[in-house]
Amino acid sequence: MKTIIVNRTVEIQVHEIMYLKGEGNYTHIFCSNGEKLIVSRTLKILEERIDDPSFIRINNNHVINLAFIVSCKKEGRKLSVFLGNDLNFDVSRRKTSTFRKELKIRHIKPIKEKSSSAN
């Protein structure tokens, strides 16, 4: 199993990472077992260290593990992705095309939300 060394004392199995959230020079790592870590590395650096095709950047602040996708929802031009534990993320317009290609490869179809009309 592939691991990532986040600092001198912590190693994480890559397949256990659900998503990464970047905040400036810090990145929050959220794992499937509920573990949360904050590391003093940028999202870009951790994304490069993970170097796994199951991980994709969906906007400026988030990298998700595609293995944890429960569903996707398309509402107009907006695309949202849902991970386990009721986690919801918006895919940026710039990243939508790449994200859709990855969904197609993995046979995951976005659910189109029907618009409700006001009477």
PDB file of N, CA and C in Angstrom:
ATOM      1  N   MET A   1       0.836  -1.182   0.000  1.00  0.00           N
ATOM      2  CA  MET A   1       0.000   0.000   0.000  1.00  0.00           C
ATOM      3  C   MET A   1       0.883   1.248   0.000  1.00  0.00           C
ATOM      4  N   LYS A   2       0.467   2.215  -0.768  1.00  0.00           N
ATOM      5  CA  LYS A   2       1.212   3.462  -0.857  1.00  0.00           C
ATOM      6  C   LYS A   2       0.923   4.339   0.357  1.00  0.00           C
ATOM      7  N   THR A   3       1.977   4.902   0.926  1.00  0.00           N
ATOM      8  CA  THR A   3       1.822   5.819   2.045  1.00  0.00           C
ATOM      9  C   THR A   3       2.414   7.171   1.685  1.00  0.00           C
ATOM     10  N   ILE A   4       1.966   8.179   2.380  1.00  0.00           N
ATOM     11  CA  ILE A   4       2.532   9.518   2.234  1.00  0.00           C
ATOM     12  C   ILE A   4       3.027   9.937   3.607  1.00  0.00           C
ATOM     13  N   ILE A   5       4.226  10.452   3.632  1.00  0.00           N
ATOM     14  CA  ILE A   5       4.802  10.948   4.883  1.00  0.00           C
ATOM     15  C   ILE A   5       4.450  12.421   4.973  1.00  0.00           C
ATOM     16  N   VAL A   6       3.631  12.760   5.967  1.00  0.00           N
ATOM     17  CA  VAL A   6       3.185  14.149   6.097  1.00  0.00           C
ATOM     18  C   VAL A   6       4.124  14.983   6.936  1.00  0.00           C
ATOM     19  N   ASN A   7       4.760  14.383   7.876  1.00  0.00           N
ATOM     20  CA  ASN A   7       5.810  15.050   8.634  1.00  0.00           C
ATOM     21  C   ASN A   7       6.716  13.961   9.217  1.00  0.00           C
ATOM     22  N   ARG A   8       7.613  14.320  10.082  1.00  0.00           N
ATOM     23  CA  ARG A   8       8.589  13.351  10.590  1.00  0.00           C
ATOM     24  C   ARG A   8       7.979  12.199  11.363  1.00  0.00           C
ATOM     25  N   THR A   9       6.804  12.412  11.931  1.00  0.00           N
ATOM     26  CA  THR A   9       6.231  11.381  12.798  1.00  0.00           C
ATOM     27  C   THR A   9       4.963  10.730  12.262  1.00  0.00           C
ATOM     28  N   VAL A  10       4.392  11.252  11.163  1.00  0.00           N
ATOM     29  CA  VAL A  10       3.101  10.746  10.696  1.00  0.00           C
ATOM     30  C   VAL A  10       3.176  10.246   9.253  1.00  0.00           C
ATOM     31  N   GLU A  11       2.700   9.015   9.062  1.00  0.00           N
ATOM     32  CA  GLU A  11       2.522   8.438   7.733  1.00  0.00           C
ATOM     33  C   GLU A  11       1.057   8.084   7.585  1.00  0.00           C
ATOM     34  N   ILE A  12       0.507   8.311   6.389  1.00  0.00           N
ATOM     35  CA  ILE A  12      -0.896   7.997   6.129  1.00  0.00           C
ATOM     36  C   ILE A  12      -0.972   7.109   4.897  1.00  0.00           C
ATOM     37  N   GLN A  13      -1.815   6.081   4.966  1.00  0.00           N
ATOM     38  CA  GLN A  13      -2.103   5.273   3.791  1.00  0.00           C
ATOM     39  C   GLN A  13      -2.890   6.150   2.815  1.00  0.00           C
ATOM     40  N   VAL A  14      -2.417   6.264   1.592  1.00  0.00           N
ATOM     41  CA  VAL A  14      -3.049   7.140   0.610  1.00  0.00           C
ATOM     42  C   VAL A  14      -4.513   6.753   0.379  1.00  0.00           C
ATOM     43  N   HIS A  15      -4.827   5.467   0.348  1.00  0.00           N
ATOM     44  CA  HIS A  15      -6.207   5.040   0.083  1.00  0.00           C
ATOM     45  C   HIS A  15      -7.170   5.426   1.205  1.00  0.00           C
ATOM     46  N   GLU A  16      -6.667   5.834   2.365  1.00  0.00           N
ATOM     47  CA  GLU A  16      -7.523   6.256   3.475  1.00  0.00           C
ATOM     48  C   GLU A  16      -7.875   7.740   3.427  1.00  0.00           C
ATOM     49  N   ILE A  17      -7.199   8.498   2.575  1.00  0.00           N
ATOM     50  CA  ILE A  17      -7.455   9.937   2.471  1.00  0.00           C
ATOM     51  C   ILE A  17      -8.701  10.166   1.629  1.00  0.00           C
ATOM     52  N   MET A  18      -9.704  10.844   2.213  1.00  0.00           N
ATOM     53  CA  MET A  18     -10.927  11.175   1.477  1.00  0.00           C
ATOM     54  C   MET A  18     -10.734  12.448   0.653  1.00  0.00           C
ATOM     55  N   TYR A  19     -10.188  13.475   1.322  1.00  0.00           N
ATOM     56  CA  TYR A  19      -9.945  14.727   0.612  1.00  0.00           C
ATOM     57  C   TYR A  19      -8.933  15.577   1.356  1.00  0.00           C
ATOM     58  N   LEU A  20      -8.404  16.556   0.625  1.00  0.00           N
ATOM     59  CA  LEU A  20      -7.466  17.534   1.158  1.00  0.00           C
ATOM     60  C   LEU A  20      -8.090  18.908   0.985  1.00  0.00           C
ATOM     61  N   LYS A  21      -7.902  19.766   1.980  1.00  0.00           N
ATOM     62  CA  LYS A  21      -8.402  21.137   1.906  1.00  0.00           C
ATOM     63  C   LYS A  21      -7.243  22.088   2.164  1.00  0.00           C
ATOM     64  N   GLY A  22      -6.929  22.913   1.180  1.00  0.00           N
ATOM     65  CA  GLY A  22      -5.831  23.857   1.311  1.00  0.00           C
ATOM     66  C   GLY A  22      -6.268  25.185   1.876  1.00  0.00           C
ATOM     67  N   GLU A  23      -5.441  25.719   2.776  1.00  0.00           N
ATOM     68  CA  GLU A  23      -5.638  27.067   3.326  1.00  0.00           C
ATOM     69  C   GLU A  23      -4.281  27.728   3.413  1.00  0.00           C
ATOM     70  N   GLY A  24      -3.928  28.440   2.364  1.00  0.00           N
ATOM     71  CA  GLY A  24      -2.622  29.095   2.325  1.00  0.00           C
ATOM     72  C   GLY A  24      -1.494  28.085   2.343  1.00  0.00           C
ATOM     73  N   ASN A  25      -0.589  28.234   3.302  1.00  0.00           N
ATOM     74  CA  ASN A  25       0.552  27.324   3.408  1.00  0.00           C
ATOM     75  C   ASN A  25       0.250  26.079   4.238  1.00  0.00           C
ATOM     76  N   TYR A  26      -1.004  25.877   4.590  1.00  0.00           N
ATOM     77  CA  TYR A  26      -1.408  24.710   5.382  1.00  0.00           C
ATOM     78  C   TYR A  26      -2.427  23.884   4.601  1.00  0.00           C
ATOM     79  N   THR A  27      -2.413  22.590   4.848  1.00  0.00           N
ATOM     80  CA  THR A  27      -3.386  21.694   4.233  1.00  0.00           C
ATOM     81  C   THR A  27      -4.004  20.815   5.318  1.00  0.00           C
ATOM     82  N   HIS A  28      -5.320  20.718   5.273  1.00  0.00           N
ATOM     83  CA  HIS A  28      -6.060  19.832   6.169  1.00  0.00           C
ATOM     84  C   HIS A  28      -6.253  18.514   5.429  1.00  0.00           C
ATOM     85  N   ILE A  29      -5.939  17.411   6.083  1.00  0.00           N
ATOM     86  CA  ILE A  29      -6.111  16.082   5.506  1.00  0.00           C
ATOM     87  C   ILE A  29      -7.245  15.397   6.258  1.00  0.00           C
ATOM     88  N   PHE A  30      -8.245  14.938   5.517  1.00  0.00           N
ATOM     89  CA  PHE A  30      -9.402  14.273   6.105  1.00  0.00           C
ATOM     90  C   PHE A  30      -9.408  12.815   5.662  1.00  0.00           C
ATOM     91  N   CYS A  31      -9.377  11.909   6.618  1.00  0.00           N
ATOM     92  CA  CYS A  31      -9.293  10.476   6.328  1.00  0.00           C
ATOM     93  C   CYS A  31     -10.631   9.784   6.560  1.00  0.00           C
ATOM     94  N   SER A  32     -10.771   8.622   5.940  1.00  0.00           N
ATOM     95  CA  SER A  32     -12.017   7.869   6.026  1.00  0.00           C
ATOM     96  C   SER A  32     -12.305   7.358   7.436  1.00  0.00           C
ATOM     97  N   ASN A  33     -11.291   7.219   8.259  1.00  0.00           N
ATOM     98  CA  ASN A  33     -11.494   6.748   9.634  1.00  0.00           C
ATOM     99  C   ASN A  33     -11.840   7.896  10.595  1.00  0.00           C
ATOM    100  N   GLY A  34     -12.036   9.100  10.055  1.00  0.00           N
ATOM    101  CA  GLY A  34     -12.398  10.251  10.874  1.00  0.00           C
ATOM    102  C   GLY A  34     -11.205  11.079  11.329  1.00  0.00           C
ATOM    103  N   GLU A  35     -10.015  10.587  11.066  1.00  0.00           N
ATOM    104  CA  GLU A  35      -8.803  11.314  11.461  1.00  0.00           C
ATOM    105  C   GLU A  35      -8.655  12.581  10.621  1.00  0.00           C
ATOM    106  N   LYS A  36      -8.266  13.680  11.287  1.00  0.00           N
ATOM    107  CA  LYS A  36      -8.031  14.959  10.608  1.00  0.00           C
ATOM    108  C   LYS A  36      -6.656  15.457  11.013  1.00  0.00           C
ATOM    109  N   LEU A  37      -5.882  15.859  10.020  1.00  0.00           N
ATOM    110  CA  LEU A  37      -4.545  16.376  10.281  1.00  0.00           C
ATOM    111  C   LEU A  37      -4.372  17.720   9.600  1.00  0.00           C
ATOM    112  N   ILE A  38      -3.553  18.561  10.189  1.00  0.00           N
ATOM    113  CA  ILE A  38      -3.157  19.816   9.553  1.00  0.00           C
ATOM    114  C   ILE A  38      -1.652  19.759   9.382  1.00  0.00           C
ATOM    115  N   VAL A  39      -1.210  19.993   8.152  1.00  0.00           N
ATOM    116  CA  VAL A  39       0.224  19.981   7.890  1.00  0.00           C
ATOM    117  C   VAL A  39       0.651  21.308   7.285  1.00  0.00           C
ATOM    118  N   SER A  40       1.882  21.687   7.541  1.00  0.00           N
ATOM    119  CA  SER A  40       2.392  22.960   7.026  1.00  0.00           C
ATOM    120  C   SER A  40       3.026  22.767   5.657  1.00  0.00           C
ATOM    121  N   ARG A  41       2.200  22.313   4.731  1.00  0.00           N
ATOM    122  CA  ARG A  41       2.569  22.154   3.328  1.00  0.00           C
ATOM    123  C   ARG A  41       1.404  22.679   2.497  1.00  0.00           C
ATOM    124  N   THR A  42       1.696  23.225   1.338  1.00  0.00           N
ATOM    125  CA  THR A  42       0.617  23.710   0.481  1.00  0.00           C
ATOM    126  C   THR A  42      -0.116  22.525  -0.140  1.00  0.00           C
ATOM    127  N   LEU A  43      -1.324  22.798  -0.598  1.00  0.00           N
ATOM    128  CA  LEU A  43      -2.124  21.779  -1.267  1.00  0.00           C
ATOM    129  C   LEU A  43      -1.384  21.246  -2.496  1.00  0.00           C
ATOM    130  N   LYS A  44      -0.746  22.123  -3.230  1.00  0.00           N
ATOM    131  CA  LYS A  44      -0.019  21.717  -4.430  1.00  0.00           C
ATOM    132  C   LYS A  44       1.093  20.723  -4.088  1.00  0.00           C
ATOM    133  N   ILE A  45       1.834  20.988  -3.027  1.00  0.00           N
ATOM    134  CA  ILE A  45       2.931  20.089  -2.642  1.00  0.00           C
ATOM    135  C   ILE A  45       2.393  18.714  -2.257  1.00  0.00           C
ATOM    136  N   LEU A  46       1.326  18.671  -1.465  1.00  0.00           N
ATOM    137  CA  LEU A  46       0.761  17.371  -1.081  1.00  0.00           C
ATOM    138  C   LEU A  46       0.162  16.644  -2.276  1.00  0.00           C
ATOM    139  N   GLU A  47      -0.471  17.382  -3.169  1.00  0.00           N
ATOM    140  CA  GLU A  47      -1.033  16.786  -4.374  1.00  0.00           C
ATOM    141  C   GLU A  47       0.074  16.109  -5.190  1.00  0.00           C
ATOM    142  N   GLU A  48       1.221  16.769  -5.303  1.00  0.00           N
ATOM    143  CA  GLU A  48       2.362  16.196  -6.028  1.00  0.00           C
ATOM    144  C   GLU A  48       2.937  14.989  -5.304  1.00  0.00           C
ATOM    145  N   ARG A  49       2.989  15.040  -3.978  1.00  0.00           N
ATOM    146  CA  ARG A  49       3.516  13.913  -3.192  1.00  0.00           C
ATOM    147  C   ARG A  49       2.630  12.681  -3.288  1.00  0.00           C
ATOM    148  N   ILE A  50       1.329  12.897  -3.290  1.00  0.00           N
ATOM    149  CA  ILE A  50       0.400  11.766  -3.394  1.00  0.00           C
ATOM    150  C   ILE A  50       0.532  11.101  -4.760  1.00  0.00           C
ATOM    151  N   ASP A  51       0.551  11.897  -5.814  1.00  0.00           N
ATOM    152  CA  ASP A  51       0.773  11.410  -7.179  1.00  0.00           C
ATOM    153  C   ASP A  51       0.005  10.115  -7.458  1.00  0.00           C
ATOM    154  N   ASP A  52      -1.314  10.181  -7.322  1.00  0.00           N
ATOM    155  CA  ASP A  52      -2.175   9.019  -7.521  1.00  0.00           C
ATOM    156  C   ASP A  52      -3.337   9.434  -8.420  1.00  0.00           C
ATOM    157  N   PRO A  53      -3.649   8.662  -9.462  1.00  0.00           N
ATOM    158  CA  PRO A  53      -4.726   9.041 -10.384  1.00  0.00           C
ATOM    159  C   PRO A  53      -6.116   9.061  -9.750  1.00  0.00           C
ATOM    160  N   SER A  54      -6.267   8.502  -8.561  1.00  0.00           N
ATOM    161  CA  SER A  54      -7.563   8.542  -7.872  1.00  0.00           C
ATOM    162  C   SER A  54      -7.842   9.903  -7.254  1.00  0.00           C
ATOM    163  N   PHE A  55      -6.834  10.758  -7.190  1.00  0.00           N
ATOM    164  CA  PHE A  55      -6.990  12.081  -6.605  1.00  0.00           C
ATOM    165  C   PHE A  55      -7.047  13.125  -7.706  1.00  0.00           C
ATOM    166  N   ILE A  56      -8.009  14.042  -7.567  1.00  0.00           N
ATOM    167  CA  ILE A  56      -8.171  15.094  -8.568  1.00  0.00           C
ATOM    168  C   ILE A  56      -8.532  16.398  -7.868  1.00  0.00           C
ATOM    169  N   ARG A  57      -7.936  17.467  -8.365  1.00  0.00           N
ATOM    170  CA  ARG A  57      -8.258  18.796  -7.833  1.00  0.00           C
ATOM    171  C   ARG A  57      -9.555  19.241  -8.485  1.00  0.00           C
ATOM    172  N   ILE A  58     -10.521  19.619  -7.641  1.00  0.00           N
ATOM    173  CA  ILE A  58     -11.829  20.019  -8.171  1.00  0.00           C
ATOM    174  C   ILE A  58     -12.062  21.523  -8.094  1.00  0.00           C
ATOM    175  N   ASN A  59     -11.249  22.209  -7.313  1.00  0.00           N
ATOM    176  CA  ASN A  59     -11.300  23.673  -7.234  1.00  0.00           C
ATOM    177  C   ASN A  59      -9.990  24.147  -6.596  1.00  0.00           C
ATOM    178  N   ASN A  60      -9.856  25.429  -6.355  1.00  0.00           N
ATOM    179  CA  ASN A  60      -8.596  25.953  -5.823  1.00  0.00           C
ATOM    180  C   ASN A  60      -8.238  25.411  -4.450  1.00  0.00           C
ATOM    181  N   ASN A  61      -9.237  24.975  -3.678  1.00  0.00           N
ATOM    182  CA  ASN A  61      -8.994  24.591  -2.290  1.00  0.00           C
ATOM    183  C   ASN A  61      -9.128  23.111  -1.973  1.00  0.00           C
ATOM    184  N   HIS A  62      -9.604  22.297  -2.923  1.00  0.00           N
ATOM    185  CA  HIS A  62      -9.874  20.903  -2.604  1.00  0.00           C
ATOM    186  C   HIS A  62      -9.314  19.917  -3.629  1.00  0.00           C
ATOM    187  N   VAL A  63      -8.755  18.842  -3.103  1.00  0.00           N
ATOM    188  CA  VAL A  63      -8.379  17.668  -3.887  1.00  0.00           C
ATOM    189  C   VAL A  63      -9.157  16.519  -3.262  1.00  0.00           C
ATOM    190  N   ILE A  64      -9.893  15.764  -4.089  1.00  0.00           N
ATOM    191  CA  ILE A  64     -10.687  14.661  -3.553  1.00  0.00           C
ATOM    192  C   ILE A  64     -10.184  13.322  -4.073  1.00  0.00           C
ATOM    193  N   ASN A  65     -10.489  12.283  -3.308  1.00  0.00           N
ATOM    194  CA  ASN A  65     -10.198  10.918  -3.714  1.00  0.00           C
ATOM    195  C   ASN A  65     -11.448  10.399  -4.417  1.00  0.00           C
ATOM    196  N   LEU A  66     -11.341  10.113  -5.711  1.00  0.00           N
ATOM    197  CA  LEU A  66     -12.494   9.690  -6.497  1.00  0.00           C
ATOM    198  C   LEU A  66     -13.118   8.395  -5.979  1.00  0.00           C
ATOM    199  N   ALA A  67     -12.365   7.613  -5.247  1.00  0.00           N
ATOM    200  CA  ALA A  67     -12.888   6.358  -4.699  1.00  0.00           C
ATOM    201  C   ALA A  67     -13.999   6.591  -3.677  1.00  0.00           C
ATOM    202  N   PHE A  68     -14.087   7.793  -3.125  1.00  0.00           N
ATOM    203  CA  PHE A  68     -15.087   8.081  -2.093  1.00  0.00           C
ATOM    204  C   PHE A  68     -16.317   8.805  -2.633  1.00  0.00           C
ATOM    205  N   ILE A  69     -16.417   8.972  -3.950  1.00  0.00           N
ATOM    206  CA  ILE A  69     -17.586   9.648  -4.518  1.00  0.00           C
ATOM    207  C   ILE A  69     -18.822   8.782  -4.322  1.00  0.00           C
ATOM    208  N   VAL A  70     -19.845   9.391  -3.740  1.00  0.00           N
ATOM    209  CA  VAL A  70     -21.126   8.720  -3.564  1.00  0.00           C
ATOM    210  C   VAL A  70     -22.040   9.095  -4.730  1.00  0.00           C
ATOM    211  N   SER A  71     -22.053  10.387  -5.087  1.00  0.00           N
ATOM    212  CA  SER A  71     -22.865  10.841  -6.208  1.00  0.00           C
ATOM    213  C   SER A  71     -22.394  12.212  -6.670  1.00  0.00           C
ATOM    214  N   CYS A  72     -22.923  12.606  -7.819  1.00  0.00           N
ATOM    215  CA  CYS A  72     -22.673  13.935  -8.377  1.00  0.00           C
ATOM    216  C   CYS A  72     -24.014  14.531  -8.773  1.00  0.00           C
ATOM    217  N   LYS A  73     -24.068  15.843  -8.758  1.00  0.00           N
ATOM    218  CA  LYS A  73     -25.303  16.525  -9.123  1.00  0.00           C
ATOM    219  C   LYS A  73     -24.974  17.690 -10.039  1.00  0.00           C
ATOM    220  N   LYS A  74     -25.699  17.758 -11.144  1.00  0.00           N
ATOM    221  CA  LYS A  74     -25.545  18.862 -12.080  1.00  0.00           C
ATOM    222  C   LYS A  74     -26.789  19.719 -12.000  1.00  0.00           C
ATOM    223  N   GLU A  75     -26.577  21.002 -11.764  1.00  0.00           N
ATOM    224  CA  GLU A  75     -27.673  21.959 -11.687  1.00  0.00           C
ATOM    225  C   GLU A  75     -27.295  23.141 -12.559  1.00  0.00           C
ATOM    226  N   GLY A  76     -27.857  23.181 -13.758  1.00  0.00           N
ATOM    227  CA  GLY A  76     -27.431  24.195 -14.718  1.00  0.00           C
ATOM    228  C   GLY A  76     -25.982  23.951 -15.103  1.00  0.00           C
ATOM    229  N   ARG A  77     -25.146  24.954 -14.915  1.00  0.00           N
ATOM    230  CA  ARG A  77     -23.716  24.796 -15.203  1.00  0.00           C
ATOM    231  C   ARG A  77     -22.922  24.369 -13.980  1.00  0.00           C
ATOM    232  N   LYS A  78     -23.580  24.339 -12.836  1.00  0.00           N
ATOM    233  CA  LYS A  78     -22.921  23.999 -11.577  1.00  0.00           C
ATOM    234  C   LYS A  78     -22.863  22.480 -11.397  1.00  0.00           C
ATOM    235  N   LEU A  79     -21.699  21.988 -11.028  1.00  0.00           N
ATOM    236  CA  LEU A  79     -21.508  20.570 -10.774  1.00  0.00           C
ATOM    237  C   LEU A  79     -21.028  20.396  -9.340  1.00  0.00           C
ATOM    238  N   SER A  80     -21.729  19.569  -8.590  1.00  0.00           N
ATOM    239  CA  SER A  80     -21.366  19.285  -7.201  1.00  0.00           C
ATOM    240  C   SER A  80     -21.052  17.809  -7.076  1.00  0.00           C
ATOM    241  N   VAL A  81     -20.139  17.500  -6.164  1.00  0.00           N
ATOM    242  CA  VAL A  81     -19.777  16.114  -5.907  1.00  0.00           C
ATOM    243  C   VAL A  81     -20.010  15.829  -4.429  1.00  0.00           C
ATOM    244  N   PHE A  82     -20.527  14.645  -4.148  1.00  0.00           N
ATOM    245  CA  PHE A  82     -20.836  14.245  -2.783  1.00  0.00           C
ATOM    246  C   PHE A  82     -19.965  13.055  -2.407  1.00  0.00           C
ATOM    247  N   LEU A  83     -19.291  13.184  -1.286  1.00  0.00           N
ATOM    248  CA  LEU A  83     -18.503  12.087  -0.745  1.00  0.00           C
ATOM    249  C   LEU A  83     -19.269  11.496   0.430  1.00  0.00           C
ATOM    250  N   GLY A  84     -18.791  10.410   0.974  1.00  0.00           N
ATOM    251  CA  GLY A  84     -19.432   9.823   2.144  1.00  0.00           C
ATOM    252  C   GLY A  84     -19.500  10.826   3.274  1.00  0.00           C
ATOM    253  N   ASN A  85     -20.279  10.544   4.284  1.00  0.00           N
ATOM    254  CA  ASN A  85     -20.440  11.407   5.462  1.00  0.00           C
ATOM    255  C   ASN A  85     -21.064  12.752   5.119  1.00  0.00           C
ATOM    256  N   ASP A  86     -21.922  12.806   4.101  1.00  0.00           N
ATOM    257  CA  ASP A  86     -22.641  14.027   3.706  1.00  0.00           C
ATOM    258  C   ASP A  86     -21.727  15.191   3.353  1.00  0.00           C
ATOM    259  N   LEU A  87     -20.598  14.908   2.756  1.00  0.00           N
ATOM    260  CA  LEU A  87     -19.675  15.962   2.323  1.00  0.00           C
ATOM    261  C   LEU A  87     -20.032  16.386   0.906  1.00  0.00           C
ATOM    262  N   ASN A  88     -20.136  17.686   0.691  1.00  0.00           N
ATOM    263  CA  ASN A  88     -20.547  18.244  -0.585  1.00  0.00           C
ATOM    264  C   ASN A  88     -19.523  19.288  -1.034  1.00  0.00           C
ATOM    265  N   PHE A  89     -19.051  19.173  -2.280  1.00  0.00           N
ATOM    266  CA  PHE A  89     -18.069  20.108  -2.829  1.00  0.00           C
ATOM    267  C   PHE A  89     -18.507  20.563  -4.209  1.00  0.00           C
ATOM    268  N   ASP A  90     -18.288  21.838  -4.507  1.00  0.00           N
ATOM    269  CA  ASP A  90     -18.549  22.358  -5.842  1.00  0.00           C
ATOM    270  C   ASP A  90     -17.290  22.226  -6.690  1.00  0.00           C
ATOM    271  N   VAL A  91     -17.488  21.805  -7.931  1.00  0.00           N
ATOM    272  CA  VAL A  91     -16.382  21.717  -8.880  1.00  0.00           C
ATOM    273  C   VAL A  91     -16.309  23.056  -9.603  1.00  0.00           C
ATOM    274  N   SER A  92     -15.121  23.640  -9.655  1.00  0.00           N
ATOM    275  CA  SER A  92     -14.985  24.945 -10.316  1.00  0.00           C
ATOM    276  C   SER A  92     -15.206  24.797 -11.817  1.00  0.00           C
ATOM    277  N   ARG A  93     -15.613  25.880 -12.450  1.00  0.00           N
ATOM    278  CA  ARG A  93     -15.847  25.837 -13.905  1.00  0.00           C
ATOM    279  C   ARG A  93     -14.594  25.442 -14.661  1.00  0.00           C
ATOM    280  N   ARG A  94     -13.440  25.921 -14.209  1.00  0.00           N
ATOM    281  CA  ARG A  94     -12.170  25.583 -14.874  1.00  0.00           C
ATOM    282  C   ARG A  94     -11.838  24.098 -14.784  1.00  0.00           C
ATOM    283  N   LYS A  95     -12.252  23.455 -13.711  1.00  0.00           N
ATOM    284  CA  LYS A  95     -11.920  22.046 -13.481  1.00  0.00           C
ATOM    285  C   LYS A  95     -13.018  21.089 -13.960  1.00  0.00           C
ATOM    286  N   THR A  96     -14.174  21.614 -14.346  1.00  0.00           N
ATOM    287  CA  THR A  96     -15.311  20.767 -14.701  1.00  0.00           C
ATOM    288  C   THR A  96     -15.010  19.804 -15.839  1.00  0.00           C
ATOM    289  N   SER A  97     -14.373  20.278 -16.894  1.00  0.00           N
ATOM    290  CA  SER A  97     -14.091  19.421 -18.051  1.00  0.00           C
ATOM    291  C   SER A  97     -13.219  18.217 -17.666  1.00  0.00           C
ATOM    292  N   THR A  98     -12.133  18.480 -16.959  1.00  0.00           N
ATOM    293  CA  THR A  98     -11.236  17.399 -16.523  1.00  0.00           C
ATOM    294  C   THR A  98     -11.967  16.455 -15.580  1.00  0.00           C
ATOM    295  N   PHE A  99     -12.748  17.014 -14.679  1.00  0.00           N
ATOM    296  CA  PHE A  99     -13.482  16.200 -13.722  1.00  0.00           C
ATOM    297  C   PHE A  99     -14.487  15.295 -14.434  1.00  0.00           C
ATOM    298  N   ARG A 100     -15.212  15.839 -15.407  1.00  0.00           N
ATOM    299  CA  ARG A 100     -16.190  15.041 -16.161  1.00  0.00           C
ATOM    300  C   ARG A 100     -15.511  13.886 -16.897  1.00  0.00           C
ATOM    301  N   LYS A 101     -14.327  14.134 -17.450  1.00  0.00           N
ATOM    302  CA  LYS A 101     -13.590  13.057 -18.127  1.00  0.00           C
ATOM    303  C   LYS A 101     -13.258  11.930 -17.152  1.00  0.00           C
ATOM    304  N   GLU A 102     -12.842  12.298 -15.948  1.00  0.00           N
ATOM    305  CA  GLU A 102     -12.529  11.291 -14.934  1.00  0.00           C
ATOM    306  C   GLU A 102     -13.786  10.520 -14.515  1.00  0.00           C
ATOM    307  N   LEU A 103     -14.909  11.217 -14.408  1.00  0.00           N
ATOM    308  CA  LEU A 103     -16.157  10.542 -14.067  1.00  0.00           C
ATOM    309  C   LEU A 103     -16.540   9.540 -15.152  1.00  0.00           C
ATOM    310  N   LYS A 104     -16.369   9.954 -16.393  1.00  0.00           N
ATOM    311  CA  LYS A 104     -16.712   9.082 -17.521  1.00  0.00           C
ATOM    312  C   LYS A 104     -15.843   7.823 -17.518  1.00  0.00           C
ATOM    313  N   ILE A 105     -14.559   7.991 -17.256  1.00  0.00           N
ATOM    314  CA  ILE A 105     -13.638   6.853 -17.198  1.00  0.00           C
ATOM    315  C   ILE A 105     -14.083   5.872 -16.118  1.00  0.00           C
ATOM    316  N   ARG A 106     -14.564   6.394 -15.006  1.00  0.00           N
ATOM    317  CA  ARG A 106     -14.965   5.553 -13.868  1.00  0.00           C
ATOM    318  C   ARG A 106     -16.458   5.201 -13.877  1.00  0.00           C
ATOM    319  N   HIS A 107     -17.157   5.570 -14.966  1.00  0.00           N
ATOM    320  CA  HIS A 107     -18.570   5.247 -15.146  1.00  0.00           C
ATOM    321  C   HIS A 107     -19.454   5.810 -14.030  1.00  0.00           C
ATOM    322  N   ILE A 108     -19.163   7.039 -13.606  1.00  0.00           N
ATOM    323  CA  ILE A 108     -19.983   7.748 -12.617  1.00  0.00           C
ATOM    324  C   ILE A 108     -20.733   8.833 -13.372  1.00  0.00           C
ATOM    325  N   LYS A 109     -22.059   8.843 -13.267  1.00  0.00           N
ATOM    326  CA  LYS A 109     -22.859   9.813 -14.008  1.00  0.00           C
ATOM    327  C   LYS A 109     -23.425  10.878 -13.077  1.00  0.00           C
ATOM    328  N   PRO A 110     -23.277  12.156 -13.465  1.00  0.00           N
ATOM    329  CA  PRO A 110     -23.896  13.216 -12.664  1.00  0.00           C
ATOM    330  C   PRO A 110     -25.417  13.108 -12.723  1.00  0.00           C
ATOM    331  N   ILE A 111     -26.061  13.452 -11.640  1.00  0.00           N
ATOM    332  CA  ILE A 111     -27.519  13.458 -11.574  1.00  0.00           C
ATOM    333  C   ILE A 111     -27.962  14.887 -11.898  1.00  0.00           C
ATOM    334  N   LYS A 112     -28.802  15.039 -12.897  1.00  0.00           N
ATOM    335  CA  LYS A 112     -29.263  16.371 -13.252  1.00  0.00           C
ATOM    336  C   LYS A 112     -30.453  16.754 -12.387  1.00  0.00           C
ATOM    337  N   GLU A 113     -30.334  17.871 -11.723  1.00  0.00           N
ATOM    338  CA  GLU A 113     -31.393  18.379 -10.855  1.00  0.00           C
ATOM    339  C   GLU A 113     -32.450  19.055 -11.695  1.00  0.00           C
ATOM    340  N   LYS A 114     -33.701  18.695 -11.495  1.00  0.00           N
ATOM    341  CA  LYS A 114     -34.797  19.337 -12.231  1.00  0.00           C
ATOM    342  C   LYS A 114     -35.066  20.691 -11.590  1.00  0.00           C
ATOM    343  N   SER A 115     -35.195  21.702 -12.426  1.00  0.00           N
ATOM    344  CA  SER A 115     -35.479  23.026 -11.892  1.00  0.00           C
ATOM    345  C   SER A 115     -36.964  23.134 -11.573  1.00  0.00           C
ATOM    346  N   SER A 116     -37.236  23.732 -10.436  1.00  0.00           N
ATOM    347  CA  SER A 116     -38.635  23.910 -10.041  1.00  0.00           C
ATOM    348  C   SER A 116     -39.099  25.284 -10.508  1.00  0.00           C
ATOM    349  N   SER A 117     -40.277  25.316 -11.087  1.00  0.00           N
ATOM    350  CA  SER A 117     -40.793  26.593 -11.572  1.00  0.00           C
ATOM    351  C   SER A 117     -41.782  27.168 -10.571  1.00  0.00           C
ATOM    352  N   ALA A 118     -41.673  28.465 -10.352  1.00  0.00           N
ATOM    353  CA  ALA A 118     -42.564  29.159  -9.417  1.00  0.00           C
ATOM    354  C   ALA A 118     -43.857  29.525 -10.132  1.00  0.00           C
ATOM    355  N   ASN A 119     -44.965  29.342  -9.473  1.00  0.00           N
ATOM    356  CA  ASN A 119     -46.275  29.689 -10.064  1.00  0.00           C
ATOM    357  C   ASN A 119     -46.720  31.047  -9.637  1.00  0.00           C
TER     358      ASN A 119
END
